[in-house]
């Protein structure tokens, strides 16, 4: 039984080795930051997202690295990565924030998910508010609920494969004031269908423009 298992493992290693080598040599490199602390739903999202991106990297032969060490958000580390992901958190340290700003201003790319875009008076990061298109967190629904989404822009790589509308899995939906859509540099990719309103049980969003995914065209995001 042990011998058979070793043969199986060596066989798997032989199959996987070329992909691993290609990933290590890949010119496209992705660095993901996350936290294992905080709200259970945010932690659960990271636990699902990290294996997804790791599998995507193996399939498409790019290098993927993840870390909970936000001190790695520095110029020396970032210079070897073409894309930075924030899975379920954001930097609160002034040095890390400055490094990220410089990275983005010099052509770096970014994808952020859910709470990674959170901002209000307490976050005290004006540049980041502008980076997101000027929208400040205003409210949310609770508990997380599925919702129908509208695809606003089909030319972007994030949305080109999606149908015109679809139902998203359960999510805690954030609404922003003012809406990022009002910023001339923002291109909204997905919007919460107004037919979902009111959405929520304990905390309810009763209406308003609610972009779900967007990009600031002044940056690679």
N, C-alpha and C. Protein backbone atom coordinates (compact mmCIF):
# COMPACT_ATOMS: atom_id res chain seq x y z
N UNK A 1 0.83 -1.20 0.00
CA UNK A 1 0.00 0.00 0.00
C UNK A 1 0.87 1.25 0.00
N UNK A 2 1.92 1.27 0.88
CA UNK A 2 2.81 2.42 0.94
C UNK A 2 3.55 2.59 -0.38
N UNK A 3 4.00 1.44 -0.96
CA UNK A 3 4.72 1.51 -2.24
C UNK A 3 3.81 2.08 -3.32
N UNK A 4 2.56 1.62 -3.34
CA UNK A 4 1.62 2.14 -4.34
C UNK A 4 1.39 3.63 -4.16
N UNK A 5 1.32 4.07 -2.89
CA UNK A 5 1.11 5.48 -2.61
C UNK A 5 2.30 6.31 -3.09
N UNK A 6 3.53 5.80 -2.85
CA UNK A 6 4.72 6.51 -3.29
C UNK A 6 4.77 6.62 -4.81
N UNK A 7 4.39 5.54 -5.50
CA UNK A 7 4.36 5.58 -6.97
C UNK A 7 3.38 6.64 -7.44
N UNK A 8 2.21 6.67 -6.77
CA UNK A 8 1.20 7.66 -7.13
C UNK A 8 1.72 9.08 -6.90
N UNK A 9 2.40 9.30 -5.76
CA UNK A 9 2.92 10.63 -5.45
C UNK A 9 4.01 11.04 -6.43
N UNK A 10 4.91 10.12 -6.74
CA UNK A 10 5.97 10.44 -7.69
C UNK A 10 5.38 10.71 -9.08
N UNK A 11 4.33 9.94 -9.43
CA UNK A 11 3.67 10.17 -10.71
C UNK A 11 3.04 11.54 -10.76
N UNK A 12 2.38 11.92 -9.66
CA UNK A 12 1.77 13.25 -9.59
C UNK A 12 2.83 14.33 -9.67
N UNK A 13 3.97 14.10 -8.99
CA UNK A 13 5.04 15.09 -9.02
C UNK A 13 5.57 15.28 -10.43
N UNK A 14 5.67 14.18 -11.17
CA UNK A 14 6.17 14.26 -12.54
C UNK A 14 5.23 15.07 -13.41
N UNK A 15 3.92 14.91 -13.17
CA UNK A 15 2.94 15.66 -13.95
C UNK A 15 2.95 17.13 -13.57
N UNK A 16 3.08 17.41 -12.25
CA UNK A 16 2.98 18.78 -11.78
C UNK A 16 4.27 19.58 -11.93
N UNK A 17 5.41 18.91 -11.99
CA UNK A 17 6.68 19.62 -12.01
C UNK A 17 6.80 20.65 -13.13
N UNK A 18 6.43 20.33 -14.38
CA UNK A 18 6.55 21.35 -15.42
C UNK A 18 5.74 22.59 -15.12
N UNK A 19 4.52 22.42 -14.57
CA UNK A 19 3.67 23.57 -14.25
C UNK A 19 4.30 24.41 -13.15
N UNK A 20 4.86 23.74 -12.14
CA UNK A 20 5.50 24.46 -11.04
C UNK A 20 6.69 25.25 -11.56
N UNK A 21 7.50 24.60 -12.42
CA UNK A 21 8.66 25.28 -12.98
C UNK A 21 8.25 26.50 -13.79
N UNK A 22 7.22 26.32 -14.62
CA UNK A 22 6.73 27.44 -15.41
C UNK A 22 6.24 28.57 -14.53
N UNK A 23 5.54 28.20 -13.43
CA UNK A 23 5.02 29.23 -12.53
C UNK A 23 6.16 29.99 -11.88
N UNK A 24 7.21 29.25 -11.48
CA UNK A 24 8.34 29.91 -10.83
C UNK A 24 9.07 30.84 -11.80
N UNK A 25 9.08 30.48 -13.09
CA UNK A 25 9.78 31.28 -14.08
C UNK A 25 8.88 32.32 -14.73
N UNK A 26 7.59 32.30 -14.40
CA UNK A 26 6.62 33.16 -15.07
C UNK A 26 6.97 34.63 -14.86
N UNK A 27 6.76 35.40 -15.91
CA UNK A 27 7.02 36.83 -15.81
C UNK A 27 5.88 37.55 -15.11
N UNK A 28 4.68 36.94 -15.11
CA UNK A 28 3.54 37.55 -14.43
C UNK A 28 3.45 37.01 -13.01
N UNK A 29 3.53 37.92 -12.04
CA UNK A 29 3.59 37.53 -10.64
C UNK A 29 2.52 38.28 -9.85
N UNK A 30 1.83 37.54 -9.00
CA UNK A 30 0.70 38.08 -8.23
C UNK A 30 0.99 37.90 -6.74
N UNK A 31 0.77 38.96 -5.97
CA UNK A 31 0.97 38.91 -4.52
C UNK A 31 -0.35 39.26 -3.83
N UNK A 32 -0.84 38.34 -3.02
CA UNK A 32 -2.12 38.52 -2.33
C UNK A 32 -1.91 38.74 -0.84
N UNK A 33 -2.54 39.78 -0.31
CA UNK A 33 -2.51 40.07 1.12
C UNK A 33 -3.88 39.73 1.72
N UNK A 34 -3.85 39.16 2.92
CA UNK A 34 -5.10 38.84 3.59
C UNK A 34 -4.86 38.79 5.09
N UNK A 35 -5.94 38.64 5.85
CA UNK A 35 -5.82 38.46 7.29
C UNK A 35 -6.59 37.22 7.71
N UNK A 36 -6.12 36.57 8.74
CA UNK A 36 -6.81 35.41 9.30
C UNK A 36 -7.56 35.80 10.57
N UNK A 37 -7.69 37.11 10.80
CA UNK A 37 -8.40 37.61 11.98
C UNK A 37 -9.56 38.49 11.53
N UNK A 38 -10.52 38.68 12.42
CA UNK A 38 -11.63 39.57 12.09
C UNK A 38 -12.95 38.83 11.98
N UNK A 39 -13.85 39.37 11.15
CA UNK A 39 -15.18 38.79 11.02
C UNK A 39 -15.11 37.40 10.37
N UNK A 40 -15.88 36.46 10.90
CA UNK A 40 -15.84 35.09 10.37
C UNK A 40 -16.12 35.00 8.87
N UNK A 41 -17.07 35.82 8.38
CA UNK A 41 -17.38 35.77 6.95
C UNK A 41 -16.21 36.24 6.10
N UNK A 42 -15.46 37.23 6.59
CA UNK A 42 -14.30 37.72 5.85
C UNK A 42 -13.19 36.67 5.83
N UNK A 43 -13.02 35.97 6.94
CA UNK A 43 -12.02 34.90 7.01
C UNK A 43 -12.42 33.76 6.08
N UNK A 44 -13.71 33.42 6.08
CA UNK A 44 -14.19 32.34 5.22
C UNK A 44 -13.97 32.68 3.75
N UNK A 45 -14.14 33.96 3.39
CA UNK A 45 -13.91 34.36 2.01
C UNK A 45 -12.45 34.12 1.62
N UNK A 46 -11.52 34.49 2.50
CA UNK A 46 -10.10 34.27 2.22
C UNK A 46 -9.80 32.79 2.07
N UNK A 47 -10.41 31.97 2.92
CA UNK A 47 -10.17 30.53 2.87
C UNK A 47 -10.65 29.93 1.55
N UNK A 48 -11.64 30.55 0.93
CA UNK A 48 -12.12 30.08 -0.38
C UNK A 48 -11.33 30.72 -1.52
N UNK A 49 -10.98 31.98 -1.37
CA UNK A 49 -10.33 32.72 -2.46
C UNK A 49 -8.90 32.25 -2.70
N UNK A 50 -8.15 31.99 -1.65
CA UNK A 50 -6.74 31.65 -1.81
C UNK A 50 -6.54 30.35 -2.60
N UNK A 51 -7.25 29.26 -2.29
CA UNK A 51 -7.10 28.06 -3.13
C UNK A 51 -7.55 28.30 -4.57
N UNK A 52 -8.58 29.13 -4.74
CA UNK A 52 -9.06 29.44 -6.09
C UNK A 52 -7.96 30.09 -6.92
N UNK A 53 -7.30 31.11 -6.36
CA UNK A 53 -6.25 31.80 -7.10
C UNK A 53 -5.01 30.93 -7.28
N UNK A 54 -4.71 30.10 -6.29
CA UNK A 54 -3.58 29.19 -6.43
C UNK A 54 -3.81 28.20 -7.57
N UNK A 55 -5.03 27.69 -7.66
CA UNK A 55 -5.37 26.77 -8.75
C UNK A 55 -5.33 27.49 -10.10
N UNK A 56 -5.82 28.72 -10.12
CA UNK A 56 -5.80 29.52 -11.34
C UNK A 56 -4.36 29.75 -11.81
N UNK A 57 -3.47 29.98 -10.85
CA UNK A 57 -2.06 30.19 -11.19
C UNK A 57 -1.44 28.94 -11.80
N UNK A 58 -1.74 27.79 -11.21
CA UNK A 58 -1.20 26.54 -11.76
C UNK A 58 -1.73 26.29 -13.17
N UNK A 59 -3.01 26.58 -13.37
CA UNK A 59 -3.64 26.33 -14.67
C UNK A 59 -3.10 27.26 -15.74
N UNK A 60 -2.81 28.51 -15.37
CA UNK A 60 -2.41 29.51 -16.36
C UNK A 60 -0.93 29.88 -16.29
N UNK A 61 -0.19 29.14 -15.48
CA UNK A 61 1.27 29.29 -15.42
C UNK A 61 1.73 30.70 -15.05
N UNK A 62 1.12 31.27 -14.00
CA UNK A 62 1.68 32.48 -13.43
C UNK A 62 2.00 32.23 -11.96
N UNK A 63 2.83 33.07 -11.40
CA UNK A 63 3.29 32.89 -10.02
C UNK A 63 2.31 33.56 -9.07
N UNK A 64 1.90 32.83 -8.04
CA UNK A 64 0.97 33.36 -7.05
C UNK A 64 1.55 33.16 -5.66
N UNK A 65 1.56 34.24 -4.89
CA UNK A 65 2.07 34.19 -3.52
C UNK A 65 1.07 34.91 -2.62
N UNK A 66 0.83 34.37 -1.43
CA UNK A 66 -0.08 35.00 -0.49
C UNK A 66 0.59 35.14 0.87
N UNK A 67 0.17 36.17 1.60
CA UNK A 67 0.79 36.42 2.90
C UNK A 67 -0.16 37.19 3.81
N UNK A 68 -0.03 36.96 5.10
CA UNK A 68 -0.73 37.76 6.11
C UNK A 68 0.19 38.85 6.65
N UNK A 69 1.41 38.90 6.17
CA UNK A 69 2.41 39.87 6.65
C UNK A 69 2.28 41.17 5.84
N UNK A 70 1.49 42.10 6.34
CA UNK A 70 1.27 43.34 5.62
C UNK A 70 2.51 44.21 5.57
N UNK A 71 3.51 43.91 6.40
CA UNK A 71 4.77 44.63 6.30
C UNK A 71 5.49 44.33 4.98
N UNK A 72 5.05 43.26 4.29
CA UNK A 72 5.59 42.96 2.96
C UNK A 72 5.08 43.93 1.90
N UNK A 73 4.15 44.79 2.28
CA UNK A 73 3.66 45.83 1.37
C UNK A 73 4.67 46.97 1.39
N UNK A 74 5.83 46.71 0.77
CA UNK A 74 6.90 47.69 0.72
C UNK A 74 7.50 47.71 -0.67
N UNK A 75 8.23 48.75 -0.97
CA UNK A 75 8.74 48.97 -2.33
C UNK A 75 9.62 47.83 -2.81
N UNK A 76 10.47 47.31 -1.94
CA UNK A 76 11.39 46.25 -2.33
C UNK A 76 10.64 44.99 -2.74
N UNK A 77 9.60 44.64 -1.99
CA UNK A 77 8.82 43.44 -2.29
C UNK A 77 7.94 43.65 -3.52
N UNK A 78 7.29 44.80 -3.59
CA UNK A 78 6.31 45.03 -4.64
C UNK A 78 6.93 45.13 -6.03
N UNK A 79 8.18 45.51 -6.12
CA UNK A 79 8.78 45.76 -7.43
C UNK A 79 8.85 44.52 -8.31
N UNK A 80 8.73 43.33 -7.72
CA UNK A 80 8.81 42.11 -8.52
C UNK A 80 7.43 41.51 -8.82
N UNK A 81 6.36 42.27 -8.51
CA UNK A 81 5.00 41.77 -8.76
C UNK A 81 4.24 42.73 -9.67
N UNK A 82 3.50 42.15 -10.61
CA UNK A 82 2.71 42.95 -11.54
C UNK A 82 1.30 43.23 -11.03
N UNK A 83 0.83 42.42 -10.08
CA UNK A 83 -0.53 42.57 -9.57
C UNK A 83 -0.55 42.30 -8.07
N UNK A 84 -1.25 43.17 -7.35
CA UNK A 84 -1.45 43.01 -5.91
C UNK A 84 -2.94 42.77 -5.65
N UNK A 85 -3.24 41.77 -4.82
CA UNK A 85 -4.61 41.50 -4.40
C UNK A 85 -4.75 41.81 -2.91
N UNK A 86 -5.85 42.46 -2.55
CA UNK A 86 -6.23 42.57 -1.15
C UNK A 86 -7.49 41.73 -1.00
N UNK A 87 -7.37 40.64 -0.27
CA UNK A 87 -8.46 39.67 -0.19
C UNK A 87 -9.53 40.10 0.80
N UNK A 88 -9.13 40.47 2.01
CA UNK A 88 -10.13 40.77 3.04
C UNK A 88 -9.65 41.78 4.08
N UNK A 89 -8.75 42.66 3.68
CA UNK A 89 -8.24 43.66 4.61
C UNK A 89 -7.54 44.77 3.82
N UNK A 90 -7.06 45.77 4.53
CA UNK A 90 -6.36 46.89 3.90
C UNK A 90 -5.29 47.40 4.86
N UNK A 91 -4.28 48.10 4.36
CA UNK A 91 -3.19 48.55 5.24
C UNK A 91 -3.63 49.74 6.10
N UNK A 92 -3.18 49.74 7.34
CA UNK A 92 -3.46 50.85 8.24
C UNK A 92 -2.19 51.60 8.61
N UNK A 93 -1.05 51.08 8.20
CA UNK A 93 0.24 51.67 8.51
C UNK A 93 0.62 52.69 7.43
N UNK A 94 1.08 53.87 7.85
CA UNK A 94 1.39 54.95 6.91
C UNK A 94 2.49 54.55 5.93
N UNK A 95 3.48 53.80 6.38
CA UNK A 95 4.58 53.38 5.51
C UNK A 95 4.07 52.42 4.43
N UNK A 96 3.22 51.47 4.82
CA UNK A 96 2.66 50.53 3.87
C UNK A 96 1.76 51.24 2.86
N UNK A 97 0.98 52.19 3.34
CA UNK A 97 0.10 52.95 2.45
C UNK A 97 0.91 53.73 1.42
N UNK A 98 1.98 54.35 1.87
CA UNK A 98 2.82 55.14 0.96
C UNK A 98 3.46 54.24 -0.10
N UNK A 99 3.88 53.04 0.31
CA UNK A 99 4.47 52.10 -0.64
C UNK A 99 3.46 51.67 -1.69
N UNK A 100 2.22 51.44 -1.27
CA UNK A 100 1.18 51.05 -2.21
C UNK A 100 0.85 52.19 -3.17
N UNK A 101 0.75 53.41 -2.66
CA UNK A 101 0.48 54.56 -3.52
C UNK A 101 1.55 54.69 -4.59
N UNK A 102 2.80 54.56 -4.21
CA UNK A 102 3.90 54.68 -5.16
C UNK A 102 3.85 53.55 -6.19
N UNK A 103 3.51 52.35 -5.73
CA UNK A 103 3.39 51.19 -6.62
C UNK A 103 2.33 51.45 -7.68
N UNK A 104 1.18 51.95 -7.28
CA UNK A 104 0.10 52.20 -8.23
C UNK A 104 0.42 53.36 -9.16
N UNK A 105 1.06 54.39 -8.65
CA UNK A 105 1.39 55.55 -9.48
C UNK A 105 2.42 55.21 -10.55
N UNK A 106 3.16 54.13 -10.34
CA UNK A 106 4.20 53.74 -11.29
C UNK A 106 3.82 52.48 -12.08
N UNK A 107 2.53 52.24 -12.23
CA UNK A 107 2.08 51.20 -13.15
C UNK A 107 1.71 49.87 -12.56
N UNK A 108 1.72 49.75 -11.23
CA UNK A 108 1.28 48.50 -10.62
C UNK A 108 -0.21 48.30 -10.81
N UNK A 109 -0.68 47.07 -10.61
CA UNK A 109 -2.10 46.76 -10.78
C UNK A 109 -2.66 46.21 -9.48
N UNK A 110 -3.97 46.39 -9.29
CA UNK A 110 -4.61 46.04 -8.01
C UNK A 110 -6.01 45.48 -8.23
N UNK A 111 -6.34 44.47 -7.43
CA UNK A 111 -7.71 43.98 -7.29
C UNK A 111 -8.02 43.92 -5.80
N UNK A 112 -9.13 44.50 -5.39
CA UNK A 112 -9.53 44.46 -3.99
C UNK A 112 -10.94 43.92 -3.86
N UNK A 113 -11.20 43.22 -2.77
CA UNK A 113 -12.49 42.57 -2.58
C UNK A 113 -13.16 43.04 -1.30
N UNK A 114 -14.42 43.42 -1.43
CA UNK A 114 -15.32 43.69 -0.31
C UNK A 114 -14.71 44.65 0.71
N UNK A 115 -14.41 44.15 1.91
CA UNK A 115 -13.96 45.03 2.99
C UNK A 115 -12.61 45.68 2.68
N UNK A 116 -11.89 45.17 1.69
CA UNK A 116 -10.62 45.78 1.31
C UNK A 116 -10.80 47.22 0.83
N UNK A 117 -12.00 47.55 0.37
CA UNK A 117 -12.27 48.91 -0.10
C UNK A 117 -12.94 49.76 0.97
N UNK A 118 -13.09 49.22 2.17
CA UNK A 118 -13.79 49.96 3.22
C UNK A 118 -13.05 51.26 3.54
N UNK A 119 -13.81 52.33 3.67
CA UNK A 119 -13.24 53.60 4.09
C UNK A 119 -14.32 54.45 4.73
N UNK A 120 -13.94 55.20 5.75
CA UNK A 120 -14.82 56.19 6.37
C UNK A 120 -13.93 57.21 7.07
N UNK A 121 -14.50 58.02 7.93
CA UNK A 121 -13.70 59.06 8.59
C UNK A 121 -12.57 58.46 9.43
N UNK A 122 -12.78 57.24 9.94
CA UNK A 122 -11.79 56.64 10.83
C UNK A 122 -10.56 56.10 10.09
N UNK A 123 -10.69 55.81 8.80
CA UNK A 123 -9.55 55.25 8.07
C UNK A 123 -8.50 56.30 7.73
N UNK A 124 -8.90 57.55 7.58
CA UNK A 124 -7.97 58.67 7.41
C UNK A 124 -6.94 58.42 6.31
N UNK A 125 -7.46 58.12 5.12
CA UNK A 125 -6.59 57.90 3.96
C UNK A 125 -7.22 58.56 2.75
N UNK A 126 -7.11 59.88 2.62
CA UNK A 126 -7.76 60.61 1.53
C UNK A 126 -7.36 60.10 0.14
N UNK A 127 -6.09 59.73 -0.03
CA UNK A 127 -5.66 59.24 -1.34
C UNK A 127 -6.46 58.01 -1.75
N UNK A 128 -6.72 57.13 -0.81
CA UNK A 128 -7.43 55.89 -1.11
C UNK A 128 -8.88 56.17 -1.50
N UNK A 129 -9.50 57.15 -0.85
CA UNK A 129 -10.86 57.54 -1.22
C UNK A 129 -10.88 58.02 -2.67
N UNK A 130 -9.91 58.85 -3.03
CA UNK A 130 -9.82 59.33 -4.41
C UNK A 130 -9.53 58.17 -5.37
N UNK A 131 -8.66 57.26 -4.95
CA UNK A 131 -8.31 56.08 -5.74
C UNK A 131 -9.55 55.25 -6.07
N UNK A 132 -10.47 55.16 -5.11
CA UNK A 132 -11.71 54.39 -5.31
C UNK A 132 -12.77 55.17 -6.08
N UNK A 133 -12.48 56.41 -6.42
CA UNK A 133 -13.43 57.19 -7.18
C UNK A 133 -14.23 58.18 -6.36
N UNK A 134 -13.85 58.36 -5.09
CA UNK A 134 -14.50 59.37 -4.26
C UNK A 134 -15.61 58.85 -3.38
N UNK A 135 -16.02 57.60 -3.56
CA UNK A 135 -17.10 57.05 -2.76
C UNK A 135 -16.64 56.66 -1.36
N UNK A 136 -17.42 57.04 -0.36
CA UNK A 136 -17.15 56.70 1.04
C UNK A 136 -18.24 55.74 1.52
N UNK A 137 -17.84 54.75 2.30
CA UNK A 137 -18.80 53.77 2.82
C UNK A 137 -19.95 54.48 3.52
N UNK A 138 -21.18 54.10 3.14
CA UNK A 138 -22.36 54.76 3.69
C UNK A 138 -23.26 53.80 4.46
N UNK A 139 -23.33 52.55 4.02
CA UNK A 139 -24.19 51.60 4.71
C UNK A 139 -24.13 50.23 4.05
N UNK A 140 -24.81 49.27 4.66
CA UNK A 140 -24.79 47.90 4.15
C UNK A 140 -26.08 47.19 4.56
N UNK A 141 -26.33 46.08 3.89
CA UNK A 141 -27.44 45.22 4.30
C UNK A 141 -26.93 44.15 5.26
N UNK A 142 -27.83 43.56 6.01
CA UNK A 142 -27.50 42.40 6.84
C UNK A 142 -28.77 41.60 7.08
N UNK A 143 -28.70 40.30 7.01
CA UNK A 143 -27.54 39.44 6.76
C UNK A 143 -27.17 39.39 5.28
N UNK A 144 -26.06 38.71 4.95
CA UNK A 144 -25.70 38.55 3.54
C UNK A 144 -26.82 37.85 2.77
N UNK A 145 -27.12 38.38 1.58
CA UNK A 145 -28.20 37.84 0.77
C UNK A 145 -27.78 37.78 -0.69
N UNK A 146 -28.29 36.81 -1.45
CA UNK A 146 -28.05 36.81 -2.90
C UNK A 146 -28.78 37.99 -3.54
N UNK A 147 -28.33 38.40 -4.71
CA UNK A 147 -28.96 39.53 -5.38
C UNK A 147 -28.70 39.45 -6.88
N UNK A 148 -29.61 40.02 -7.64
CA UNK A 148 -29.45 40.10 -9.08
C UNK A 148 -28.54 41.27 -9.42
N UNK A 149 -27.55 41.02 -10.29
CA UNK A 149 -26.60 42.05 -10.70
C UNK A 149 -26.74 42.33 -12.20
N UNK A 150 -26.46 43.56 -12.57
CA UNK A 150 -26.49 44.00 -13.96
C UNK A 150 -25.07 44.24 -14.44
N UNK A 151 -24.72 43.71 -15.60
CA UNK A 151 -23.41 43.96 -16.19
C UNK A 151 -23.48 45.27 -16.97
N UNK A 152 -22.73 46.27 -16.52
CA UNK A 152 -22.74 47.59 -17.16
C UNK A 152 -21.76 47.68 -18.32
N UNK A 153 -20.64 46.99 -18.20
CA UNK A 153 -19.55 47.13 -19.17
C UNK A 153 -19.02 45.75 -19.53
N UNK A 154 -19.13 45.39 -20.81
CA UNK A 154 -18.76 44.04 -21.23
C UNK A 154 -17.35 43.96 -21.81
N UNK A 155 -16.69 45.10 -22.03
CA UNK A 155 -15.38 45.08 -22.67
C UNK A 155 -14.24 44.80 -21.70
N UNK A 156 -14.50 44.89 -20.41
CA UNK A 156 -13.45 44.69 -19.41
C UNK A 156 -13.19 43.19 -19.21
N UNK A 157 -11.94 42.78 -18.99
CA UNK A 157 -11.63 41.36 -18.79
C UNK A 157 -12.41 40.71 -17.64
N UNK A 158 -12.78 41.49 -16.64
CA UNK A 158 -13.51 40.93 -15.50
C UNK A 158 -14.92 40.51 -15.88
N UNK A 159 -15.52 41.18 -16.86
CA UNK A 159 -16.94 40.97 -17.15
C UNK A 159 -17.24 40.43 -18.55
N UNK A 160 -16.24 40.28 -19.40
CA UNK A 160 -16.53 39.95 -20.80
C UNK A 160 -17.20 38.60 -20.97
N UNK A 161 -17.05 37.71 -19.98
CA UNK A 161 -17.62 36.37 -20.09
C UNK A 161 -18.97 36.24 -19.39
N UNK A 162 -19.47 37.33 -18.80
CA UNK A 162 -20.70 37.26 -18.01
C UNK A 162 -21.94 37.54 -18.85
N UNK A 163 -23.09 36.98 -18.45
CA UNK A 163 -24.35 37.33 -19.12
C UNK A 163 -24.77 38.75 -18.74
N UNK A 164 -25.80 39.27 -19.38
CA UNK A 164 -26.24 40.64 -19.12
C UNK A 164 -26.66 40.85 -17.67
N UNK A 165 -27.30 39.84 -17.10
CA UNK A 165 -27.68 39.86 -15.69
C UNK A 165 -27.44 38.47 -15.11
N UNK A 166 -27.21 38.40 -13.82
CA UNK A 166 -27.07 37.11 -13.16
C UNK A 166 -27.30 37.29 -11.66
N UNK A 167 -27.55 36.19 -10.98
CA UNK A 167 -27.77 36.23 -9.53
C UNK A 167 -26.48 35.87 -8.82
N UNK A 168 -26.02 36.78 -7.98
CA UNK A 168 -24.80 36.56 -7.22
C UNK A 168 -25.08 35.72 -5.99
N UNK A 169 -24.09 34.95 -5.51
CA UNK A 169 -24.24 34.29 -4.21
C UNK A 169 -24.44 35.32 -3.10
N UNK A 170 -24.82 34.86 -1.93
CA UNK A 170 -25.08 35.75 -0.80
C UNK A 170 -23.89 36.64 -0.52
N UNK A 171 -24.18 37.91 -0.27
CA UNK A 171 -23.13 38.88 -0.02
C UNK A 171 -23.67 39.98 0.89
N UNK A 172 -22.76 40.64 1.58
CA UNK A 172 -23.09 41.85 2.33
C UNK A 172 -22.82 43.02 1.39
N UNK A 173 -23.88 43.68 0.93
CA UNK A 173 -23.74 44.70 -0.09
C UNK A 173 -23.45 46.06 0.53
N UNK A 174 -22.42 46.73 0.02
CA UNK A 174 -22.03 48.06 0.51
C UNK A 174 -22.59 49.13 -0.44
N UNK A 175 -23.06 50.22 0.14
CA UNK A 175 -23.45 51.36 -0.67
C UNK A 175 -22.54 52.53 -0.32
N UNK A 176 -22.21 53.34 -1.33
CA UNK A 176 -21.20 54.39 -1.20
C UNK A 176 -21.82 55.75 -1.50
N UNK A 177 -21.36 56.77 -0.78
CA UNK A 177 -21.81 58.14 -1.02
C UNK A 177 -20.59 59.06 -1.13
N UNK A 178 -20.49 59.84 -2.22
CA UNK A 178 -21.34 59.75 -3.41
C UNK A 178 -21.04 58.48 -4.19
N UNK A 179 -21.93 58.14 -5.09
CA UNK A 179 -21.70 56.95 -5.91
C UNK A 179 -20.44 57.13 -6.75
N UNK A 180 -19.55 56.13 -6.79
CA UNK A 180 -18.36 56.23 -7.64
C UNK A 180 -18.70 56.50 -9.11
N UNK A 181 -19.91 56.14 -9.52
CA UNK A 181 -20.32 56.33 -10.91
C UNK A 181 -20.27 57.81 -11.32
N UNK A 182 -20.39 58.71 -10.36
CA UNK A 182 -20.40 60.13 -10.66
C UNK A 182 -19.01 60.67 -11.01
N UNK A 183 -17.98 59.89 -10.73
CA UNK A 183 -16.61 60.30 -11.05
C UNK A 183 -16.32 60.01 -12.52
N UNK A 184 -15.86 61.01 -13.25
CA UNK A 184 -15.64 60.85 -14.70
C UNK A 184 -14.55 59.83 -15.02
N UNK A 185 -13.70 59.52 -14.05
CA UNK A 185 -12.63 58.56 -14.28
C UNK A 185 -13.03 57.12 -13.95
N UNK A 186 -14.22 56.94 -13.41
CA UNK A 186 -14.68 55.62 -12.98
C UNK A 186 -15.52 54.96 -14.07
N UNK A 187 -15.25 53.69 -14.29
CA UNK A 187 -16.07 52.88 -15.19
C UNK A 187 -16.69 51.77 -14.35
N UNK A 188 -18.01 51.82 -14.19
CA UNK A 188 -18.71 50.81 -13.40
C UNK A 188 -18.90 49.55 -14.25
N UNK A 189 -18.56 48.41 -13.68
CA UNK A 189 -18.64 47.14 -14.40
C UNK A 189 -19.89 46.34 -14.02
N UNK A 190 -20.24 46.35 -12.73
CA UNK A 190 -21.41 45.63 -12.24
C UNK A 190 -22.19 46.50 -11.27
N UNK A 191 -23.52 46.42 -11.35
CA UNK A 191 -24.39 47.21 -10.48
C UNK A 191 -25.46 46.31 -9.87
N UNK A 192 -25.81 46.59 -8.63
CA UNK A 192 -26.94 45.90 -8.00
C UNK A 192 -28.23 46.33 -8.70
N UNK A 193 -28.99 45.37 -9.17
CA UNK A 193 -30.26 45.67 -9.84
C UNK A 193 -31.21 46.33 -8.84
N UNK A 194 -31.77 47.50 -9.16
CA UNK A 194 -32.71 48.18 -8.23
C UNK A 194 -33.91 47.32 -7.85
N UNK A 195 -34.21 46.31 -8.65
CA UNK A 195 -35.34 45.44 -8.33
C UNK A 195 -35.10 44.64 -7.05
N UNK A 196 -33.84 44.62 -6.57
CA UNK A 196 -33.54 43.92 -5.32
C UNK A 196 -34.06 44.67 -4.09
N UNK A 197 -34.30 45.97 -4.22
CA UNK A 197 -34.68 46.78 -3.06
C UNK A 197 -36.12 46.51 -2.62
N UNK A 198 -36.36 46.57 -1.30
CA UNK A 198 -35.38 46.71 -0.22
C UNK A 198 -34.63 45.39 0.00
N UNK A 199 -33.34 45.48 0.34
CA UNK A 199 -32.56 44.27 0.56
C UNK A 199 -31.96 44.30 1.96
N UNK A 200 -32.19 43.23 2.70
CA UNK A 200 -31.71 43.14 4.08
C UNK A 200 -32.84 42.82 5.03
N UNK A 201 -32.50 42.30 6.19
CA UNK A 201 -33.48 41.98 7.22
C UNK A 201 -33.21 42.80 8.48
N UNK A 202 -32.03 42.63 9.07
CA UNK A 202 -31.66 43.42 10.24
C UNK A 202 -31.26 44.83 9.82
N UNK A 203 -30.35 44.93 8.84
CA UNK A 203 -29.95 46.21 8.24
C UNK A 203 -30.40 46.18 6.79
N UNK A 204 -31.09 47.22 6.36
CA UNK A 204 -31.74 47.21 5.05
C UNK A 204 -31.29 48.40 4.21
N UNK A 205 -30.99 48.13 2.94
CA UNK A 205 -30.77 49.20 1.96
C UNK A 205 -32.07 49.33 1.17
N UNK A 206 -32.65 50.51 1.18
CA UNK A 206 -33.96 50.67 0.57
C UNK A 206 -33.90 51.23 -0.84
N UNK A 207 -32.73 51.72 -1.27
CA UNK A 207 -32.63 52.25 -2.62
C UNK A 207 -31.32 52.96 -2.84
N UNK A 208 -31.13 53.46 -4.07
CA UNK A 208 -29.92 54.19 -4.41
C UNK A 208 -29.06 53.44 -5.41
N UNK A 209 -28.14 54.17 -6.02
CA UNK A 209 -27.21 53.58 -6.97
C UNK A 209 -26.16 52.80 -6.21
N UNK A 210 -26.00 51.51 -6.53
CA UNK A 210 -25.06 50.67 -5.79
C UNK A 210 -24.14 49.93 -6.76
N UNK A 211 -23.06 50.60 -7.22
CA UNK A 211 -22.04 49.88 -8.00
C UNK A 211 -21.41 48.78 -7.15
N UNK A 212 -21.19 47.64 -7.76
CA UNK A 212 -20.61 46.49 -7.06
C UNK A 212 -19.15 46.29 -7.45
N UNK A 213 -18.86 46.45 -8.73
CA UNK A 213 -17.49 46.33 -9.24
C UNK A 213 -17.24 47.52 -10.15
N UNK A 214 -16.09 48.18 -9.96
CA UNK A 214 -15.75 49.30 -10.83
C UNK A 214 -14.24 49.46 -10.91
N UNK A 215 -13.80 50.28 -11.86
CA UNK A 215 -12.39 50.56 -12.02
C UNK A 215 -12.18 52.06 -12.16
N UNK A 216 -11.11 52.55 -11.58
CA UNK A 216 -10.68 53.93 -11.78
C UNK A 216 -9.71 53.90 -12.96
N UNK A 217 -10.10 54.50 -14.07
CA UNK A 217 -9.33 54.38 -15.31
C UNK A 217 -7.99 55.10 -15.28
N UNK A 218 -7.72 55.83 -14.21
CA UNK A 218 -6.40 56.47 -14.08
C UNK A 218 -5.35 55.48 -13.56
N UNK A 219 -5.82 54.31 -13.12
CA UNK A 219 -4.92 53.30 -12.57
C UNK A 219 -5.21 51.95 -13.22
N UNK A 220 -4.31 51.01 -12.97
CA UNK A 220 -4.52 49.64 -13.45
C UNK A 220 -5.24 48.87 -12.36
N UNK A 221 -6.57 48.87 -12.46
CA UNK A 221 -7.39 48.20 -11.46
C UNK A 221 -8.69 47.73 -12.10
